[in-house]
Amino acid sequence: MAEKPSGTEITEPAALKALAQPRRQQILQHLTLHGPATSAILARALALNTGATSYHLRELARYGFVEDAAAEEPGGRRARWWRAVPGDRRFPPRSRQSPEVRLVMDELNRHAYAADLALFERLQRDSGESGGELGEWADAFPYSRGSIRLTLPELRAFFEEFIALMNRYKRPDADTPPGARTVHTRLLAFSAPLRSPANDDADDNRRETDAP
């Protein structure tokens, strides 16, 4: 069985609102994908002005989502670099969300899912027929869809085992072998709608109609 959950649950509405802001999600995605960056680098990449980027970074830092990363520019000039703070962040389950938190979570999820899909589609386009800049990684798009019958405790255990598997492959940059790349993983699991007696009757009728 999976180990007892050890993630940090984010319950403060202000922290959730800070995370749900679309530009801040873009900033976190960029820092996660490309590593530490200055506000100027992020501004150029995300088509923002440096003032707005600096503000969003300070708000993310206030709640522990980003932090200073010591770095030095060429020529000895110093600049403020930022990095995404790794961690196992959890959100309150739906049954414990207040109406305010539920609205924030819906907004956060909507933007997060859209950003993930856009990134996935862009990488597929960039791969092209010859793989483009991805090279051999152009074939590395593992994808799986399936369904399993689980009880609620089993589903929770399944999720914790997935997190444990992720943690098995995490390692410091110093221990990462050459050729490794950041790989985004997403797990979306949800229960199917309950079947009603009316649906069962409809299925029976279809079977009788289709029978020879």
Foldseek 3Di string as FASTA:
>chain_A
DFDDDDFAEDDDLLLLLLLLPLLLVVVQVCCLAPNKDALVVSCVVVVHDSVVSVVSVVSCVVNPQKDWDFDADPPRHGGTIMHGDDTRYHYDPPVPDDPSRVVSVVSSVVSVVVVVVVVVVVCQVCCPPCGHPNHVCNPVDDDDDDDDDDDPVVVVRVVSVVVVVVVVPDDDPVPDDPPDHDDDDDDDDDDDDDDDVVNVVVVVVVCVVPDD
